[in-house]
Amino acid sequence: MYLAAAAQMKELDRQAIEDRGIPSIDLMERAAQGVARAALELLPDKPKKCRAAVFCGTGNNGGDGLAAARLLHLEGVEVRTFLVGDYEKLTEDARTMAARLSEFGLELEPYRDGAAVWRYLRSCQVIVDALFGVGLSRPITDPLRCGLIEGINALPGAVVAADIASGVETDTGRVLGAAVRADRTVTFSLPKLGQFVGEGAIYSGTVTVQDIGLPGELIRRMEFGAETVDGTWVKRALPPRKPDGHKGTFGKVLILAGSVGFTGAPVLAARAATRTGCGLVSLAVPNTIYPIVAQKCLEEMPFPLPSDYKSLRNRAAACDAVLVGPGLGLSSRAHRLVLGLAEDLEGPLVLDADGINALEKHMDTLERRRGRVTILTPHDGEFARIGGDLSGGDRLEAARHFAQRYGCILVLKGHRTIVANPEGRCYVNTNGNSGMAKGGSGDVLGGILVSLLAQGMEPEEAARAAVWLHGRAGDLCAEALTEYAMTPSDLIGRLPMVFRELLKGTK
């Protein structure tokens, strides 16, 4: 699904209201229906036995909250509605919603911090956050609002955010001073960038999209620079398995990896490549660890690094895709091998871990690969080491800028892994869990990715599919083993289940 920026949503609203003549109050009413429905779904008991509090700002987001309060009241919920700000500053539509609320005997109360108010709030089963909408761009510094947000986050009741959790920056997911932690966010028309990246992905809770009546053709005409990755797309994108294929049909991979103390990394990467469907997986490792690695590999073909670079280069050039870096170490020889292969190989090259670290003072090597398929898979630390700028807190824009600058595909690993291509498009992966935050998980991802490349997937599609397969395997592990006890080897063991899910129902 496409992810929208704040400016795009503002423009869509403008076109709907000004160009298509759709009354803005009707859009607000439909938005409120989604918020009220979500609040009702979170109630632990019948509505007439429950209490709710709705916090409204002075903008149209506050109007959404006011309309939702009326709808909850009509369902029998005991509701109090609090205005955080000056009544005189309410937008026209928000004033209309306040008047409609008043018709049912409910008044918009000015919020005043006090013991009586907080006693009521602690008795509420649900809180609706309609303080700030998608237009917020400055940090929240007012002590009253900061204190309120902190208090809401400490309440026992469930929290529903209208459009976006207040305090989350729409385009980046940054927390602007303070932010509401929502259990559920009902966002309008389209999901927002900040609900899927950065801290916003955590503060938003479960995100659902409410159709408020924006014409579909307006949305279809707009170009969105980011979207999520989902299993339906991955299923369509997987490379077909030819009935008459042989091991050469399904790709040849070379993995250059491992060093003393890091004998698991090459094995994990190689096993993941085999388990993802690659026909032939060769594994080049230093002589010092070859006996250890050889004992661990049954289906893969490990061999000791040849003494001359030319032999390694020729073997790599004969493969369909090459992965360099997992556990390779920081020796001068390792760096020379990485940089040499990056210069010489014409085919697809995936650089991970120490393959990325070798570029730190040699980014000109990466620039010279422009026009050839190069995929980098750094975590934030490795990304910073090669010049990625995360200082502004905008991981998506940082990934986009790097991929465009160097003409590569970037897989920026972490919570909500981002794939960015040289044309500036970004894809956000939404599955996976904290149990994957263990040494070796990245090696598994590298193996999955190079395997898909070798089987003929387009580079960008291979990267998108790899992060989803990796994340889905992680989620299956967490379900069966818990996030505490799962291991990177378990990720590989769950890949058959992932493919079974995807292929179920296909012939």
Protein backbone atom coordinates (compact mmCIF):
# COMPACT_ATOMS: atom_id res chain seq x y z
CA MET A 1 0.00 0.00 0.00
CA TYR A 2 1.14 3.52 -0.74
CA LEU A 3 2.39 5.76 2.07
CA ALA A 4 1.43 9.43 1.89
CA ALA A 5 3.23 12.56 3.05
CA ALA A 6 1.52 15.45 4.83
CA ALA A 7 1.68 17.73 1.78
CA GLN A 8 0.09 15.06 -0.39
CA MET A 9 -2.82 14.63 2.01
CA LYS A 10 -3.33 18.39 2.15
CA GLU A 11 -3.43 18.56 -1.63
CA LEU A 12 -5.86 15.64 -1.91
CA ASP A 13 -8.18 17.31 0.58
CA ARG A 14 -7.95 20.58 -1.33
CA GLN A 15 -8.78 18.94 -4.65
CA ALA A 16 -11.73 17.07 -3.15
CA ILE A 17 -13.19 20.16 -1.49
CA GLU A 18 -12.36 22.93 -3.96
CA ASP A 19 -12.27 21.12 -7.30
CA ARG A 20 -14.87 18.40 -6.71
CA GLY A 21 -17.16 20.32 -4.38
CA ILE A 22 -17.24 17.73 -1.61
CA PRO A 23 -18.25 19.45 1.65
CA SER A 24 -15.38 19.31 4.13
CA ILE A 25 -17.85 18.67 6.95
CA ASP A 26 -18.90 15.44 5.19
CA LEU A 27 -15.28 14.29 5.05
CA MET A 28 -14.97 15.01 8.77
CA GLU A 29 -18.14 13.10 9.58
CA ARG A 30 -16.90 10.00 7.76
CA ALA A 31 -13.51 10.27 9.45
CA ALA A 32 -15.23 10.35 12.83
CA GLN A 33 -17.19 7.23 12.00
CA GLY A 34 -13.95 5.27 11.69
CA VAL A 35 -12.59 6.66 14.96
CA ALA A 36 -15.79 5.91 16.86
CA ARG A 37 -15.96 2.40 15.43
CA ALA A 38 -12.40 1.68 16.54
CA ALA A 39 -13.13 3.01 20.03
CA LEU A 40 -16.20 0.79 20.32
CA GLU A 41 -14.20 -2.25 19.23
CA LEU A 42 -11.70 -1.63 22.03
CA LEU A 43 -14.33 -1.42 24.77
CA PRO A 44 -14.17 -4.40 27.13
CA ASP A 45 -17.91 -4.38 27.85
CA LYS A 46 -21.23 -3.14 26.49
CA PRO A 47 -21.06 0.57 25.55
CA LYS A 48 -23.59 1.61 28.19
CA LYS A 49 -21.26 0.34 30.89
CA CYS A 50 -18.19 2.18 29.58
CA ARG A 51 -16.63 5.59 29.76
CA ALA A 52 -14.58 7.49 27.21
CA ALA A 53 -12.65 10.75 27.05
CA VAL A 54 -11.96 12.65 23.85
CA PHE A 55 -9.13 15.21 23.69
CA CYS A 56 -9.46 17.77 20.92
CA GLY A 57 -7.17 20.42 19.54
CA THR A 58 -8.40 23.52 17.75
CA GLY A 59 -7.78 22.29 14.21
CA ASN A 60 -9.81 19.97 12.01
CA ASN A 61 -8.31 16.98 13.79
CA GLY A 62 -10.10 18.26 16.86
CA GLY A 63 -13.28 18.41 14.79
CA ASP A 64 -12.84 14.72 13.99
CA GLY A 65 -12.67 14.06 17.72
CA LEU A 66 -15.76 16.12 18.47
CA ALA A 67 -17.80 14.21 15.89
CA ALA A 68 -16.48 10.89 17.24
CA ALA A 69 -17.56 11.93 20.76
CA ARG A 70 -21.11 12.49 19.53
CA LEU A 71 -21.18 9.10 17.81
CA LEU A 72 -19.91 7.35 20.93
CA HIS A 73 -22.59 9.10 22.98
CA LEU A 74 -25.26 7.87 20.58
CA GLU A 75 -24.00 4.31 21.19
CA GLY A 76 -24.54 4.75 24.91
CA VAL A 77 -20.96 5.43 26.00
CA GLU A 78 -20.51 8.00 28.78
CA VAL A 79 -18.29 10.62 27.11
CA ARG A 80 -16.53 13.76 28.20
CA THR A 81 -14.86 15.93 25.56
CA PHE A 82 -11.97 18.21 26.42
CA LEU A 83 -10.65 21.13 24.37
CA VAL A 84 -6.92 21.74 24.67
CA GLY A 85 -6.60 25.30 23.39
CA ASP A 86 -8.73 28.41 22.94
CA TYR A 87 -12.31 28.01 21.76
CA GLU A 88 -11.94 31.12 19.60
CA LYS A 89 -9.27 29.33 17.55
CA LEU A 90 -11.47 26.41 16.53
CA THR A 91 -11.75 25.95 12.77
CA GLU A 92 -15.15 26.48 11.19
CA ASP A 93 -15.79 22.76 10.79
CA ALA A 94 -14.69 22.06 14.35
CA ARG A 95 -17.13 24.71 15.61
CA THR A 96 -19.89 23.01 13.63
CA MET A 97 -19.06 19.69 15.26
CA ALA A 98 -19.02 21.33 18.70
CA ALA A 99 -22.51 22.70 18.03
CA ARG A 100 -23.76 19.28 16.91
CA LEU A 101 -22.34 17.78 20.10
CA SER A 102 -24.11 20.42 22.17
CA GLU A 103 -27.45 19.49 20.60
CA PHE A 104 -27.20 16.17 22.47
CA GLY A 105 -26.53 17.83 25.81
CA LEU A 106 -22.76 17.36 25.74
CA GLU A 107 -20.53 20.40 26.06
CA LEU A 108 -16.95 20.84 24.99
CA GLU A 109 -15.04 21.31 28.24
CA PRO A 110 -11.85 23.36 28.46
CA TYR A 111 -9.12 21.02 29.65
CA ARG A 112 -7.74 21.95 33.05
CA ASP A 113 -5.23 19.75 34.77
CA GLY A 114 -6.71 18.65 38.06
CA ALA A 115 -7.35 15.69 40.36
CA ALA A 116 -11.05 15.42 39.48
CA VAL A 117 -10.34 15.24 35.77
CA TRP A 118 -7.71 12.56 36.22
CA ARG A 119 -10.00 10.49 38.43
CA TYR A 120 -12.48 10.44 35.57
CA LEU A 121 -9.76 9.65 33.02
CA ARG A 122 -8.49 6.70 35.05
CA SER A 123 -12.02 5.28 34.98
CA CYS A 124 -12.23 5.45 31.18
CA GLN A 125 -11.97 2.33 29.06
CA VAL A 126 -10.96 4.29 25.96
CA ILE A 127 -9.27 7.62 25.21
CA VAL A 128 -9.53 9.34 21.83
CA ASP A 129 -6.54 11.45 20.81
CA ALA A 130 -7.54 14.25 18.44
CA LEU A 131 -5.04 16.86 19.61
CA PHE A 132 -2.83 17.30 16.54
CA GLY A 133 -3.26 16.18 12.95
CA VAL A 134 -0.84 15.46 10.12
CA GLY A 135 0.16 19.13 9.81
CA LEU A 136 2.21 19.19 13.01
CA SER A 137 5.81 20.08 12.16
CA ARG A 138 7.19 21.73 15.30
CA PRO A 139 8.08 20.10 18.61
CA ILE A 140 5.44 20.17 21.33
CA THR A 141 6.99 22.18 24.14
CA ASP A 142 4.00 23.58 26.03
CA PRO A 143 4.11 22.10 29.57
CA LEU A 144 0.33 21.63 29.68
CA ARG A 145 0.23 19.60 26.47
CA CYS A 146 3.40 17.66 27.28
CA GLY A 147 2.02 16.80 30.71
CA LEU A 148 -1.30 15.75 29.19
CA ILE A 149 0.39 13.47 26.66
CA GLU A 150 2.51 11.91 29.38
CA GLY A 151 -0.63 11.38 31.44
CA ILE A 152 -2.56 9.80 28.57
CA ASN A 153 0.28 7.36 28.01
CA ALA A 154 0.07 6.30 31.65
CA LEU A 155 -3.70 5.70 31.68
CA PRO A 156 -5.03 2.12 31.81
CA GLY A 157 -7.60 2.68 29.05
CA ALA A 158 -6.96 1.92 25.37
CA VAL A 159 -5.98 4.88 23.19
CA VAL A 160 -7.33 5.57 19.70
CA ALA A 161 -5.59 8.24 17.63
CA ALA A 162 -7.52 10.17 14.99
CA ASP A 163 -5.50 10.20 11.73
CA ILE A 164 -2.10 10.20 13.46
CA ALA A 165 -0.84 9.86 17.01
CA SER A 166 -0.34 13.42 18.29
CA GLY A 167 3.32 14.36 18.35
CA VAL A 168 4.42 11.97 15.58
CA GLU A 169 5.81 13.75 12.53
CA THR A 170 3.86 12.65 9.50
CA ASP A 171 6.71 12.37 7.03
CA THR A 172 9.47 10.92 9.21
CA GLY A 173 7.97 9.14 12.22
CA ARG A 174 10.02 11.33 14.56
CA VAL A 175 8.57 12.19 17.94
CA LEU A 176 8.23 15.98 18.10
CA GLY A 177 8.96 16.61 21.75
CA ALA A 178 6.26 14.31 23.11
CA ALA A 179 3.84 11.87 21.48
CA VAL A 180 0.77 9.86 22.35
CA ARG A 181 1.28 6.10 22.36
CA ALA A 182 -1.80 4.82 20.57
CA ASP A 183 -3.09 1.28 20.70
CA ARG A 184 -4.91 1.94 17.46
CA THR A 185 -4.58 4.68 14.87
CA VAL A 186 -7.44 5.28 12.47
CA THR A 187 -5.84 7.16 9.62
CA PHE A 188 -7.85 8.78 6.86
CA SER A 189 -7.82 7.85 3.16
CA LEU A 190 -4.19 6.68 3.06
CA PRO A 191 -1.60 5.46 5.57
CA LYS A 192 1.09 8.01 6.36
CA LEU A 193 4.85 7.63 6.09
CA GLY A 194 5.44 8.38 9.77
CA GLN A 195 3.17 5.54 10.86
CA PHE A 196 5.49 2.96 9.32
CA VAL A 197 9.00 4.31 9.92
CA GLY A 198 10.96 5.64 12.90
CA GLU A 199 9.41 5.87 16.33
CA GLY A 200 6.06 6.55 14.71
CA ALA A 201 5.84 2.87 13.78
CA ILE A 202 5.78 2.09 17.51
CA TYR A 203 3.66 5.00 18.72
CA SER A 204 0.93 4.37 16.11
CA GLY A 205 -0.08 0.92 17.35
CA THR A 206 -2.28 -0.96 14.89
CA VAL A 207 -3.00 1.26 11.89
CA THR A 208 -6.30 0.99 10.02
CA VAL A 209 -7.37 3.14 7.08
CA GLN A 210 -10.77 4.85 7.01
CA ASP A 211 -12.19 5.80 3.62
CA ILE A 212 -13.60 9.31 4.06
CA GLY A 213 -14.81 9.72 0.50
CA LEU A 214 -11.89 11.22 -1.41
CA PRO A 215 -12.41 10.37 -5.10
CA GLY A 216 -10.34 7.35 -6.08
CA GLU A 217 -9.10 8.93 -9.30
CA LEU A 218 -7.49 11.76 -7.32
CA ILE A 219 -5.51 9.24 -5.32
CA ARG A 220 -4.60 7.18 -8.39
CA ARG A 221 -3.26 10.28 -10.18
CA MET A 222 -0.88 11.13 -7.36
CA GLU A 223 2.65 9.73 -7.32
CA PHE A 224 3.78 8.29 -4.00
CA GLY A 225 7.46 7.80 -3.28
CA ALA A 226 7.06 4.98 -0.78
CA GLU A 227 4.96 1.90 -0.20
CA THR A 228 4.91 -1.17 2.00
CA VAL A 229 5.89 -4.72 1.07
CA ASP A 230 3.30 -7.45 1.52
CA GLY A 231 2.98 -11.18 1.01
CA THR A 232 0.51 -10.91 -1.86
CA TRP A 233 3.08 -9.03 -3.90
CA VAL A 234 5.88 -11.43 -2.90
CA LYS A 235 3.81 -14.41 -4.03
CA ARG A 236 3.40 -12.87 -7.49
CA ALA A 237 7.06 -11.88 -7.72
CA LEU A 238 8.67 -15.21 -6.79
CA PRO A 239 10.69 -16.75 -9.64
CA PRO A 240 8.88 -19.71 -11.23
CA ARG A 241 10.18 -23.25 -10.80
CA LYS A 242 10.48 -24.81 -14.25
CA PRO A 243 9.22 -28.40 -14.26
CA ASP A 244 12.13 -29.51 -16.44
CA GLY A 245 14.73 -27.37 -14.67
CA HIS A 246 18.05 -28.66 -13.33
CA LYS A 247 20.41 -27.31 -10.68
CA GLY A 248 21.97 -24.88 -13.13
CA THR A 249 18.55 -23.55 -14.07
CA PHE A 250 17.95 -22.23 -10.58
CA GLY A 251 21.06 -20.16 -10.26
CA LYS A 252 24.66 -20.29 -9.16
CA VAL A 253 25.78 -18.32 -6.12
CA LEU A 254 29.21 -17.59 -4.70
CA ILE A 255 29.52 -16.39 -1.11
CA LEU A 256 32.80 -14.95 0.15
CA ALA A 257 32.59 -14.90 3.92
CA GLY A 258 33.97 -15.96 7.29
CA SER A 259 37.12 -15.54 9.35
CA VAL A 260 38.59 -16.86 12.59
CA GLY A 261 35.93 -16.41 15.26
CA PHE A 262 33.19 -15.97 12.65
CA THR A 263 32.63 -19.46 11.29
CA GLY A 264 28.84 -19.33 11.67
CA ALA A 265 28.22 -16.38 9.36
CA PRO A 266 29.23 -18.08 6.09
CA VAL A 267 27.30 -21.23 6.98
CA LEU A 268 24.11 -19.31 7.81
CA ALA A 269 24.29 -17.31 4.59
CA ALA A 270 24.95 -20.40 2.48
CA ARG A 271 22.18 -22.46 4.08
CA ALA A 272 19.71 -19.61 3.64
CA ALA A 273 20.61 -19.37 -0.06
CA THR A 274 20.02 -23.09 -0.55
CA ARG A 275 16.78 -23.07 1.45
CA THR A 276 15.48 -20.19 -0.72
CA GLY A 277 15.75 -22.29 -3.87
CA CYS A 278 19.20 -21.66 -5.35
CA GLY A 279 20.52 -24.59 -7.40
CA LEU A 280 24.25 -24.32 -6.63
CA VAL A 281 25.82 -22.51 -3.68
CA SER A 282 29.60 -22.20 -3.46
CA LEU A 283 31.23 -20.84 -0.33
CA ALA A 284 34.72 -19.34 -0.32
CA VAL A 285 36.28 -19.15 3.16
CA PRO A 286 39.79 -18.56 4.50
CA ASN A 287 42.01 -21.67 4.78
CA THR A 288 42.12 -21.29 8.57
CA ILE A 289 38.40 -21.98 8.97
CA TYR A 290 37.78 -24.23 5.98
CA PRO A 291 37.84 -27.52 7.98
CA ILE A 292 35.23 -26.15 10.40
CA VAL A 293 32.95 -24.80 7.69
CA ALA A 294 33.29 -27.93 5.55
CA GLN A 295 31.98 -30.07 8.40
CA LYS A 296 28.88 -27.90 8.72
CA CYS A 297 27.94 -27.82 5.05
CA LEU A 298 26.14 -30.75 3.40
CA GLU A 299 24.23 -29.19 0.51
CA GLU A 300 26.57 -26.22 -0.06
CA MET A 301 30.06 -26.41 -1.60
CA PRO A 302 32.71 -24.75 0.57
CA PHE A 303 36.27 -24.31 -0.69
CA PRO A 304 39.40 -22.66 0.74
CA LEU A 305 40.20 -19.25 -0.64
CA PRO A 306 42.70 -19.61 -3.48
CA SER A 307 46.01 -17.89 -2.97
CA ASP A 308 45.70 -15.91 -6.20
CA TYR A 309 42.95 -13.34 -6.65
CA LYS A 310 42.45 -14.19 -10.34
CA SER A 311 41.15 -17.67 -9.54
CA LEU A 312 38.59 -16.26 -7.09
CA ARG A 313 37.52 -13.56 -9.53
CA ASN A 314 37.00 -16.08 -12.36
CA ARG A 315 34.96 -18.36 -10.13
CA ALA A 316 32.82 -15.44 -8.97
CA ALA A 317 32.34 -14.21 -12.55
CA ALA A 318 30.95 -17.62 -13.53
CA CYS A 319 28.14 -17.28 -10.99
CA ASP A 320 24.79 -15.54 -11.38
CA ALA A 321 25.14 -13.52 -8.17
CA VAL A 322 27.77 -12.99 -5.49
CA LEU A 323 27.49 -12.19 -1.78
CA VAL A 324 30.55 -10.72 -0.07
CA GLY A 325 31.10 -9.88 3.56
CA PRO A 326 29.37 -11.94 6.28
CA GLY A 327 31.95 -12.44 9.04
CA LEU A 328 34.78 -11.73 6.59
CA GLY A 329 36.78 -9.64 9.04
CA LEU A 330 38.74 -6.44 8.67
CA SER A 331 42.11 -7.74 7.52
CA SER A 332 43.93 -5.96 4.71
CA ARG A 333 43.53 -9.04 2.51
CA ALA A 334 39.78 -9.10 3.11
CA HIS A 335 39.56 -5.44 2.11
CA ARG A 336 41.56 -6.06 -1.07
CA LEU A 337 39.27 -8.94 -2.04
CA VAL A 338 36.13 -6.90 -1.46
CA LEU A 339 37.34 -3.90 -3.41
CA GLY A 340 38.77 -6.04 -6.20
CA LEU A 341 35.55 -7.94 -6.76
CA ALA A 342 33.54 -4.72 -6.57
CA GLU A 343 35.71 -3.27 -9.33
CA ASP A 344 35.85 -6.34 -11.56
CA LEU A 345 32.54 -8.18 -11.35
CA GLU A 346 29.94 -7.26 -13.94
CA GLY A 347 27.17 -9.38 -12.42
CA PRO A 348 24.96 -8.72 -9.39
CA LEU A 349 26.91 -8.11 -6.19
CA VAL A 350 25.53 -8.03 -2.65
CA LEU A 351 27.72 -6.40 -0.01
CA ASP A 352 26.94 -7.15 3.62
CA ALA A 353 28.69 -6.62 6.97
CA ASP A 354 32.46 -6.45 6.40
CA GLY A 355 31.87 -6.15 2.68
CA ILE A 356 30.24 -2.81 3.49
CA ASN A 357 32.89 -1.85 6.04
CA ALA A 358 35.58 -2.25 3.36
CA LEU A 359 33.98 0.63 1.44
CA GLU A 360 34.41 3.11 4.30
CA LYS A 361 37.33 4.96 2.74
CA HIS A 362 36.73 3.76 -0.79
CA MET A 363 33.31 5.04 -1.79
CA ASP A 364 34.72 5.84 -5.22
CA THR A 365 34.67 2.07 -5.81
CA LEU A 366 30.93 2.06 -5.25
CA GLU A 367 30.50 5.04 -7.56
CA ARG A 368 32.33 3.19 -10.33
CA ARG A 369 29.81 0.34 -10.09
CA ARG A 370 27.01 2.67 -11.18
CA GLY A 371 25.11 0.91 -13.95
CA ARG A 372 25.86 -2.53 -12.51
CA VAL A 373 23.68 -4.25 -9.92
CA THR A 374 24.98 -3.51 -6.44
CA ILE A 375 22.94 -4.12 -3.30
CA LEU A 376 24.13 -2.98 0.13
CA THR A 377 22.52 -4.34 3.31
CA PRO A 378 23.81 -2.21 6.22
CA HIS A 379 22.39 -1.73 9.68
CA ASP A 380 22.40 1.85 10.97
CA GLY A 381 25.97 1.69 12.28
CA GLU A 382 27.39 0.37 9.02
CA PHE A 383 25.30 2.88 7.10
CA ALA A 384 26.79 5.77 9.07
CA ARG A 385 30.27 4.36 8.50
CA ILE A 386 29.90 4.74 4.72
CA GLY A 387 28.42 8.21 4.87
CA GLY A 388 24.73 7.62 5.47
CA ASP A 389 23.27 10.56 7.37
CA LEU A 390 20.78 9.60 10.06
CA SER A 391 21.30 12.71 12.17
CA GLY A 392 17.93 14.17 11.17
CA GLY A 393 16.00 11.13 12.32
CA ASP A 394 14.59 10.44 8.86
CA ARG A 395 15.75 6.94 7.91
CA LEU A 396 13.62 6.78 4.79
CA GLU A 397 14.93 9.99 3.28
CA ALA A 398 18.51 9.07 4.24
CA ALA A 399 18.15 5.72 2.46
CA ARG A 400 16.60 7.36 -0.58
CA HIS A 401 19.37 9.95 -0.84
CA PHE A 402 22.15 7.35 -0.53
CA ALA A 403 20.67 5.04 -3.17
CA GLN A 404 20.26 7.90 -5.61
CA ARG A 405 23.72 9.29 -4.94
CA TYR A 406 25.54 6.01 -5.55
CA GLY A 407 23.22 4.34 -8.03
CA CYS A 408 22.77 1.27 -5.85
CA ILE A 409 19.95 -0.54 -4.09
CA LEU A 410 20.10 0.01 -0.35
CA VAL A 411 18.55 -2.32 2.19
CA LEU A 412 18.70 -0.34 5.44
CA LYS A 413 18.13 -2.99 8.08
CA GLY A 414 16.41 -2.42 11.40
CA HIS A 415 12.92 -2.03 12.77
CA ARG A 416 10.91 -1.50 9.58
CA THR A 417 13.70 -2.29 7.10
CA ILE A 418 13.74 0.10 4.14
CA VAL A 419 14.61 -0.78 0.54
CA ALA A 420 15.59 2.21 -1.62
CA ASN A 421 16.37 2.14 -5.32
CA PRO A 422 18.45 4.52 -7.50
CA GLU A 423 15.30 6.18 -8.88
CA GLY A 424 14.27 7.31 -5.40
CA ARG A 425 11.47 4.83 -4.69
CA CYS A 426 11.37 3.34 -1.21
CA TYR A 427 9.70 0.25 0.21
CA VAL A 428 9.04 -0.32 3.91
CA ASN A 429 8.87 -3.83 5.31
CA THR A 430 6.39 -4.16 8.16
CA ASN A 431 6.86 -7.71 9.44
CA GLY A 432 9.59 -9.16 11.68
CA ASN A 433 10.19 -8.74 15.40
CA SER A 434 12.82 -8.11 18.07
CA GLY A 435 13.71 -11.80 18.30
CA MET A 436 15.59 -11.28 15.03
CA ALA A 437 17.93 -8.80 16.70
CA LYS A 438 20.65 -11.40 17.17
CA GLY A 439 24.00 -11.94 15.53
CA GLY A 440 23.56 -14.00 12.38
CA SER A 441 20.12 -12.77 11.32
CA GLY A 442 21.68 -10.43 8.77
CA ASP A 443 23.70 -13.31 7.31
CA VAL A 444 20.45 -15.19 6.72
CA LEU A 445 18.98 -12.15 4.93
CA GLY A 446 22.07 -11.90 2.73
CA GLY A 447 21.73 -15.55 1.74
CA ILE A 448 18.04 -15.18 0.89
CA LEU A 449 18.73 -12.08 -1.20
CA VAL A 450 21.63 -13.46 -3.24
CA SER A 451 19.64 -16.64 -3.89
CA LEU A 452 16.69 -14.71 -5.35
CA LEU A 453 19.06 -12.67 -7.49
CA ALA A 454 20.73 -15.80 -8.84
CA GLN A 455 17.31 -17.24 -9.72
CA GLY A 456 16.68 -14.29 -12.01
CA MET A 457 14.57 -11.87 -9.99
CA GLU A 458 14.96 -8.20 -10.81
CA PRO A 459 17.31 -6.64 -8.23
CA GLU A 460 14.78 -4.31 -6.61
CA GLU A 461 12.18 -7.07 -6.48
CA ALA A 462 14.70 -9.50 -5.01
CA ALA A 463 15.52 -7.05 -2.23
CA ARG A 464 11.85 -6.40 -1.44
CA ALA A 465 10.99 -10.09 -1.44
CA ALA A 466 14.03 -11.02 0.65
CA VAL A 467 13.23 -8.66 3.51
CA TRP A 468 9.61 -9.85 3.58
CA LEU A 469 10.54 -13.56 3.52
CA HIS A 470 13.12 -12.93 6.24
CA GLY A 471 10.62 -11.04 8.39
CA ARG A 472 7.84 -13.58 7.91
CA ALA A 473 10.19 -16.40 8.91
CA GLY A 474 11.01 -14.37 12.01
CA ASP A 475 7.34 -13.97 12.89
CA LEU A 476 6.75 -17.72 12.55
CA CYS A 477 9.74 -18.34 14.81
CA ALA A 478 8.37 -15.93 17.41
CA GLU A 479 4.99 -17.66 17.36
CA ALA A 480 6.53 -21.07 17.94
CA LEU A 481 9.61 -20.30 20.01
CA THR A 482 9.12 -16.76 21.45
CA GLU A 483 11.24 -13.76 20.59
CA TYR A 484 13.58 -14.66 23.45
CA ALA A 485 14.43 -18.20 22.37
CA MET A 486 14.47 -18.02 18.57
CA THR A 487 17.80 -18.09 16.72
CA PRO A 488 19.01 -17.22 13.21
CA SER A 489 19.18 -20.93 12.41
CA ASP A 490 15.49 -21.12 13.28
CA LEU A 491 14.80 -18.46 10.62
CA ILE A 492 16.23 -20.79 7.98
CA GLY A 493 14.20 -23.66 9.40
CA ARG A 494 10.97 -21.67 9.03
CA LEU A 495 11.53 -20.70 5.39
CA PRO A 496 9.75 -23.85 4.11
CA MET A 497 6.67 -22.82 6.11
CA VAL A 498 6.83 -19.33 4.60
CA PHE A 499 6.95 -20.70 1.06
CA ARG A 500 4.16 -23.16 1.86
CA GLU A 501 1.99 -20.25 2.98
CA LEU A 502 2.75 -18.28 -0.17
CA LEU A 503 2.26 -21.15 -2.58
CA LYS A 504 -0.88 -22.53 -0.98
CA GLY A 505 -3.62 -22.67 -3.56
CA THR A 506 -1.31 -22.31 -6.55
CA LYS A 507 -0.83 -25.03 -9.14
